[in-house]
Amino acid sequence: MDARQLRYFLAIVEHGGFSKAAAALHVAQPSLSQAMSNLEAELGVSLFHRTGRGVVLSDAGTELLEPSRRVLRDLDAVRQKASALAGLGGGTVEVAAMPSPGIEPLTTLIHRFTELHPSVTIAARAAFTPEETINLVRSGACELGLLGAATAITAPGIDVLAVEEQPFVVVAAADGDFEDGAVLRPEDLAGQKMIASRSGSLMRTIVDEVTARSGGTEIVAVVDHRTSILPLVLAGVGIAVLPASWNRLARRCGLVVASLEPTAHLHVAMISLPSHLTPGAQAFLELTRALSLQRSRSTPA
């Protein structure tokens, strides 16, 4: 068994079949199939169930998925550790990020990191719930995870670095009823049309509370993708309640941002496994720690 076989194995899983994996790896499909046959023979188990339309992981393949990722991660760590003796010289840091933390603080983190380590690539993978983010880190699919939740994040066997708490704000069109920087109470939103996410998110919980307390307020659009919200506000469809991570982008789009009182806070944290971090991921984590300390000092008591 060698690293090449493990990379082939993971590529087949990621791309959902031999032909797509071979194309992504730039190898001939017969070579890929032979490598997998040799690996299965060596391990004494079948890694995939071959079906008419592709492949499905076997139980053995599922069990070996996480160890395979860890082995390759450790090999990458060895290579990067050698490069780190003279500074970070390359590699990729894989970060799972939820939508709002993926706007901020991820933008600031990537900006600062790429200035410090321009030869290292940051690969941000989408995750839509805290549970999904934790699973991506726990399985080894990503080294780091940036997530937000209604309460402080805890997860057994996972290191959690609290980064910041983001209050929720009202985002509205500039030609609407609110001024930028205003302080609004839920009753001030009476009669407004609102854009919301689906039930189950903290954002939707706040919107539901607002509509319950404000006469005539109604939800006119429900979207899964947070990236759809600002364009809808710009088009005049309605107003939105978003974490403060969207403030800068909203204002650059020409929208107004108003505080909402009282409001909940999105607890943002960076998570990682206690070990198996490559030097690049370790450097990204340390940068996150420094940003967290900086923001905690600048937050009024």
Protein backbone atom coordinates (compact mmCIF):
# COMPACT_ATOMS: atom_id res chain seq x y z
CA MET A 1 0.00 0.00 0.00
CA ASP A 2 1.36 3.46 -0.90
CA ALA A 3 0.26 7.07 -0.87
CA ARG A 4 -0.61 6.98 -4.56
CA GLN A 5 -3.18 4.23 -4.00
CA LEU A 6 -4.74 6.12 -1.10
CA ARG A 7 -4.97 9.30 -3.19
CA TYR A 8 -6.67 7.33 -5.94
CA PHE A 9 -9.08 5.81 -3.42
CA LEU A 10 -10.06 9.23 -2.03
CA ALA A 11 -10.39 10.70 -5.51
CA ILE A 12 -12.87 7.98 -6.51
CA VAL A 13 -14.91 8.77 -3.39
CA GLU A 14 -14.78 12.53 -3.97
CA HIS A 15 -15.71 12.37 -7.65
CA GLY A 16 -18.22 9.54 -7.36
CA GLY A 17 -16.68 7.11 -9.82
CA PHE A 18 -13.58 5.79 -11.59
CA SER A 19 -13.90 7.74 -14.84
CA LYS A 20 -14.34 11.16 -13.21
CA ALA A 21 -11.55 10.42 -10.74
CA ALA A 22 -9.21 9.35 -13.55
CA ALA A 23 -9.94 12.56 -15.44
CA ALA A 24 -9.33 14.69 -12.34
CA LEU A 25 -6.07 12.86 -11.59
CA HIS A 26 -4.96 12.94 -15.24
CA VAL A 27 -4.35 9.18 -15.31
CA ALA A 28 -5.72 6.45 -17.54
CA GLN A 29 -8.79 4.73 -16.10
CA PRO A 30 -7.29 1.21 -16.51
CA SER A 31 -4.31 2.34 -14.42
CA LEU A 32 -6.64 3.67 -11.74
CA SER A 33 -8.71 0.48 -11.73
CA GLN A 34 -5.59 -1.67 -11.49
CA ALA A 35 -4.29 0.38 -8.58
CA MET A 36 -7.57 -0.12 -6.72
CA SER A 37 -7.62 -3.83 -7.47
CA ASN A 38 -4.08 -4.14 -6.09
CA LEU A 39 -5.04 -2.17 -2.97
CA GLU A 40 -8.14 -4.30 -2.36
CA ALA A 41 -6.11 -7.48 -2.84
CA GLU A 42 -3.49 -6.26 -0.38
CA LEU A 43 -6.08 -5.26 2.21
CA GLY A 44 -8.22 -8.34 1.64
CA VAL A 45 -11.47 -6.35 1.41
CA SER A 46 -13.58 -4.71 -1.28
CA LEU A 47 -13.59 -0.94 -1.00
CA PHE A 48 -16.42 -0.35 -3.46
CA HIS A 49 -19.59 -1.98 -4.70
CA ARG A 50 -19.55 -1.72 -8.50
CA THR A 51 -22.98 -0.77 -9.88
CA GLY A 52 -24.19 -0.24 -13.37
CA ARG A 53 -24.01 3.53 -13.03
CA GLY A 54 -20.94 3.94 -10.84
CA VAL A 55 -19.55 2.84 -7.50
CA VAL A 56 -20.72 2.92 -3.91
CA LEU A 57 -18.46 2.67 -0.87
CA SER A 58 -18.58 -0.70 0.86
CA ASP A 59 -18.73 -0.93 4.64
CA ALA A 60 -14.99 -1.59 4.65
CA GLY A 61 -14.38 1.40 2.38
CA THR A 62 -16.41 3.62 4.67
CA GLU A 63 -14.38 2.48 7.70
CA LEU A 64 -11.10 3.12 5.89
CA LEU A 65 -12.06 6.56 4.60
CA GLU A 66 -11.06 8.55 7.67
CA PRO A 67 -7.77 6.66 8.32
CA SER A 68 -6.80 7.15 4.68
CA ARG A 69 -7.37 10.87 4.95
CA ARG A 70 -5.29 10.99 8.10
CA VAL A 71 -2.41 9.08 6.54
CA LEU A 72 -2.25 11.49 3.60
CA ARG A 73 -2.65 14.46 5.91
CA ASP A 74 0.29 13.24 8.00
CA LEU A 75 2.41 12.75 4.89
CA ASP A 76 1.58 16.29 3.82
CA ALA A 77 2.50 17.48 7.30
CA VAL A 78 5.92 15.84 6.98
CA ARG A 79 6.52 17.57 3.64
CA GLN A 80 5.29 20.91 4.92
CA LYS A 81 7.28 20.57 8.14
CA ALA A 82 10.42 20.27 6.09
CA SER A 83 9.43 23.37 4.12
CA ALA A 84 8.56 25.17 7.36
CA LEU A 85 12.20 25.08 8.43
CA ALA A 86 12.69 27.87 5.92
CA GLY A 87 9.17 29.26 6.22
CA LEU A 88 5.91 27.98 4.73
CA GLY A 89 6.81 27.12 1.16
CA GLY A 90 3.55 25.76 -0.24
CA GLY A 91 0.67 23.41 0.37
CA THR A 92 -3.05 23.82 0.91
CA VAL A 93 -5.06 24.51 4.07
CA GLU A 94 -8.60 23.14 3.87
CA VAL A 95 -11.17 25.04 5.91
CA ALA A 96 -14.87 24.20 6.21
CA ALA A 97 -16.87 27.40 6.65
CA MET A 98 -20.53 28.20 7.26
CA PRO A 99 -22.07 31.03 5.17
CA SER A 100 -21.95 34.01 7.55
CA PRO A 101 -18.57 33.24 9.19
CA GLY A 102 -17.43 32.52 5.63
CA ILE A 103 -18.00 36.20 4.88
CA GLU A 104 -16.33 37.45 8.03
CA PRO A 105 -13.99 36.66 9.76
CA LEU A 106 -12.88 34.32 6.95
CA THR A 107 -12.28 37.20 4.52
CA THR A 108 -9.98 38.97 6.97
CA LEU A 109 -8.19 35.74 7.86
CA ILE A 110 -7.51 34.78 4.24
CA HIS A 111 -6.42 38.31 3.41
CA ARG A 112 -3.89 38.42 6.23
CA PHE A 113 -2.74 34.84 5.75
CA THR A 114 -2.05 35.17 2.05
CA GLU A 115 -0.02 38.31 2.72
CA LEU A 116 2.11 36.37 5.23
CA HIS A 117 2.27 33.10 3.27
CA PRO A 118 1.61 33.85 -0.42
CA SER A 119 2.67 30.36 -1.58
CA VAL A 120 0.05 28.57 0.57
CA THR A 121 -3.45 28.06 -0.86
CA ILE A 122 -6.58 28.33 1.30
CA ALA A 123 -9.35 25.97 0.14
CA ALA A 124 -12.69 26.95 1.71
CA ARG A 125 -15.33 24.22 1.65
CA ALA A 126 -19.00 25.05 2.18
CA ALA A 127 -20.80 23.75 5.25
CA PHE A 128 -24.29 24.83 6.22
CA THR A 129 -24.75 23.69 9.83
CA PRO A 130 -22.50 23.40 12.91
CA GLU A 131 -22.95 19.62 12.77
CA GLU A 132 -21.81 19.44 9.15
CA THR A 133 -18.75 21.57 9.92
CA ILE A 134 -17.81 19.41 12.91
CA ASN A 135 -18.22 16.22 10.86
CA LEU A 136 -15.96 17.55 8.08
CA VAL A 137 -13.22 18.23 10.64
CA ARG A 138 -13.76 15.05 12.63
CA SER A 139 -13.60 12.90 9.47
CA GLY A 140 -10.39 14.56 8.31
CA ALA A 141 -11.98 16.00 5.17
CA CYS A 142 -10.94 19.47 6.41
CA GLU A 143 -8.30 20.43 8.94
CA LEU A 144 -10.14 23.47 10.26
CA GLY A 145 -13.78 24.51 10.58
CA LEU A 146 -15.26 27.99 10.97
CA LEU A 147 -18.80 27.89 12.28
CA GLY A 148 -21.45 29.96 13.98
CA ALA A 149 -24.15 28.88 16.44
CA ALA A 150 -26.74 30.34 18.77
CA THR A 151 -24.65 29.37 21.82
CA ALA A 152 -20.99 28.76 22.57
CA ILE A 153 -19.74 25.75 20.60
CA THR A 154 -18.66 22.52 22.29
CA ALA A 155 -17.80 19.21 20.64
CA PRO A 156 -16.23 16.11 22.24
CA GLY A 157 -12.71 15.43 20.96
CA ILE A 158 -12.57 18.76 19.09
CA ASP A 159 -10.52 21.83 19.99
CA VAL A 160 -12.69 24.96 19.94
CA LEU A 161 -11.29 28.48 19.63
CA ALA A 162 -13.95 31.14 20.28
CA VAL A 163 -13.38 33.94 17.77
CA GLU A 164 -16.15 36.51 18.24
CA GLU A 165 -19.84 37.12 18.82
CA GLN A 166 -21.74 38.81 16.00
CA PRO A 167 -24.97 40.69 16.79
CA PHE A 168 -27.79 40.50 14.26
CA VAL A 169 -28.60 43.65 12.29
CA VAL A 170 -31.26 44.88 9.89
CA VAL A 171 -30.18 45.36 6.27
CA ALA A 172 -32.42 47.49 4.06
CA ALA A 173 -32.42 49.47 0.80
CA ALA A 174 -31.04 53.01 1.00
CA ASP A 175 -34.28 54.50 -0.31
CA GLY A 176 -36.38 52.70 2.30
CA ASP A 177 -37.68 53.59 5.76
CA PHE A 178 -34.46 53.33 7.78
CA GLU A 179 -31.24 55.32 8.13
CA ASP A 180 -27.81 53.75 8.25
CA GLY A 181 -26.63 53.34 11.84
CA ALA A 182 -30.11 53.60 13.34
CA VAL A 183 -31.10 51.56 16.37
CA LEU A 184 -34.34 49.66 15.79
CA ARG A 185 -36.64 47.65 17.97
CA PRO A 186 -38.80 44.82 16.59
CA GLU A 187 -41.91 47.02 16.64
CA ASP A 188 -40.12 49.51 14.36
CA LEU A 189 -40.28 46.86 11.62
CA ALA A 190 -44.09 46.79 11.59
CA GLY A 191 -45.47 46.54 8.07
CA GLN A 192 -42.16 45.54 6.52
CA LYS A 193 -41.65 42.76 4.00
CA MET A 194 -38.89 40.41 5.10
CA ILE A 195 -36.47 37.99 3.43
CA ALA A 196 -35.68 34.96 5.57
CA SER A 197 -33.83 31.66 5.63
CA ARG A 198 -35.60 28.37 6.18
CA SER A 199 -36.84 27.30 9.61
CA GLY A 200 -34.20 25.90 11.92
CA SER A 201 -31.58 28.64 11.64
CA LEU A 202 -30.92 31.29 14.26
CA MET A 203 -31.56 33.93 11.60
CA ARG A 204 -35.03 32.54 10.93
CA THR A 205 -35.79 32.34 14.66
CA ILE A 206 -35.10 36.07 14.99
CA VAL A 207 -37.24 36.89 11.94
CA ASP A 208 -40.09 34.80 13.35
CA GLU A 209 -39.85 36.68 16.65
CA VAL A 210 -39.90 40.00 14.82
CA THR A 211 -42.98 39.07 12.77
CA ALA A 212 -44.73 37.89 15.93
CA ARG A 213 -44.08 41.23 17.69
CA SER A 214 -44.57 43.59 14.76
CA GLY A 215 -48.01 44.08 13.27
CA GLY A 216 -48.27 43.63 9.52
CA THR A 217 -44.75 42.28 9.08
CA GLU A 218 -44.65 39.41 6.61
CA ILE A 219 -42.08 37.04 5.12
CA VAL A 220 -42.14 37.41 1.34
CA ALA A 221 -39.13 35.28 0.37
CA VAL A 222 -37.44 32.25 1.92
CA VAL A 223 -33.99 31.36 0.58
CA ASP A 224 -31.46 28.62 1.30
CA HIS A 225 -28.43 30.50 0.00
CA ARG A 226 -27.29 33.49 2.08
CA THR A 227 -25.69 34.93 -1.07
CA SER A 228 -29.19 35.49 -2.47
CA ILE A 229 -30.21 37.81 0.36
CA LEU A 230 -28.32 41.03 -0.46
CA PRO A 231 -29.36 40.98 -4.15
CA LEU A 232 -32.98 40.59 -3.07
CA VAL A 233 -32.69 43.54 -0.67
CA LEU A 234 -31.05 45.58 -3.43
CA ALA A 235 -33.93 44.72 -5.76
CA GLY A 236 -36.41 46.07 -3.23
CA VAL A 237 -38.01 42.73 -2.39
CA GLY A 238 -37.75 43.37 1.35
CA ILE A 239 -35.45 43.84 4.32
CA ALA A 240 -33.34 41.16 6.00
CA VAL A 241 -31.91 40.29 9.39
CA LEU A 242 -28.29 39.14 9.12
CA PRO A 243 -25.26 38.67 11.38
CA ALA A 244 -22.93 41.66 11.57
CA SER A 245 -20.44 39.77 9.39
CA TRP A 246 -22.41 41.13 6.41
CA ASN A 247 -22.18 44.81 7.46
CA ARG A 248 -19.22 45.87 5.34
CA LEU A 249 -20.39 44.05 2.21
CA ALA A 250 -23.94 45.40 2.61
CA ARG A 251 -22.72 48.98 2.87
CA ARG A 252 -20.42 48.57 -0.11
CA CYS A 253 -23.48 47.46 -2.06
CA GLY A 254 -25.19 50.73 -1.14
CA LEU A 255 -27.50 49.28 1.51
CA VAL A 256 -28.12 50.64 4.99
CA VAL A 257 -27.38 48.71 8.18
CA ALA A 258 -29.26 49.32 11.42
CA SER A 259 -28.76 47.79 14.85
CA LEU A 260 -31.52 45.62 16.26
CA GLU A 261 -32.25 45.73 19.98
CA PRO A 262 -32.71 43.42 21.68
CA THR A 263 -31.00 40.82 19.50
CA ALA A 264 -29.30 37.47 19.67
CA HIS A 265 -25.63 36.88 18.84
CA LEU A 266 -23.97 34.41 16.51
CA HIS A 267 -21.14 32.66 18.38
CA VAL A 268 -18.30 32.18 15.90
CA ALA A 269 -15.53 29.64 16.54
CA MET A 270 -12.68 27.90 14.76
CA ILE A 271 -12.48 24.17 15.39
CA SER A 272 -9.74 21.62 14.80
CA LEU A 273 -8.61 18.20 15.93
CA PRO A 274 -6.07 18.16 18.78
CA SER A 275 -3.45 16.72 16.42
CA HIS A 276 -2.79 16.08 12.70
CA LEU A 277 -2.50 19.75 11.76
CA THR A 278 -0.12 20.58 8.93
CA PRO A 279 2.17 23.58 9.47
CA GLY A 280 -0.05 25.65 7.17
CA ALA A 281 -3.18 24.82 9.19
CA GLN A 282 -1.32 25.50 12.42
CA ALA A 283 -0.26 28.91 11.12
CA PHE A 284 -3.85 29.68 10.04
CA LEU A 285 -5.11 28.66 13.49
CA GLU A 286 -2.55 30.89 15.21
CA LEU A 287 -3.59 33.79 13.00
CA THR A 288 -7.21 33.15 14.03
CA ARG A 289 -6.16 33.18 17.67
CA ALA A 290 -4.43 36.54 17.19
CA LEU A 291 -7.51 37.98 15.44
CA SER A 292 -9.75 36.73 18.24
CA LEU A 293 -7.56 38.42 20.84
CA GLN A 294 -7.47 41.65 18.84
CA ARG A 295 -11.26 41.77 18.48
CA SER A 296 -11.86 40.92 22.13
CA ARG A 297 -9.66 43.88 23.15
CA SER A 298 -11.51 46.24 20.81
CA THR A 299 -14.98 45.19 22.04
CA PRO A 300 -16.40 47.53 24.71
CA ALA A 301 -16.86 45.90 28.11
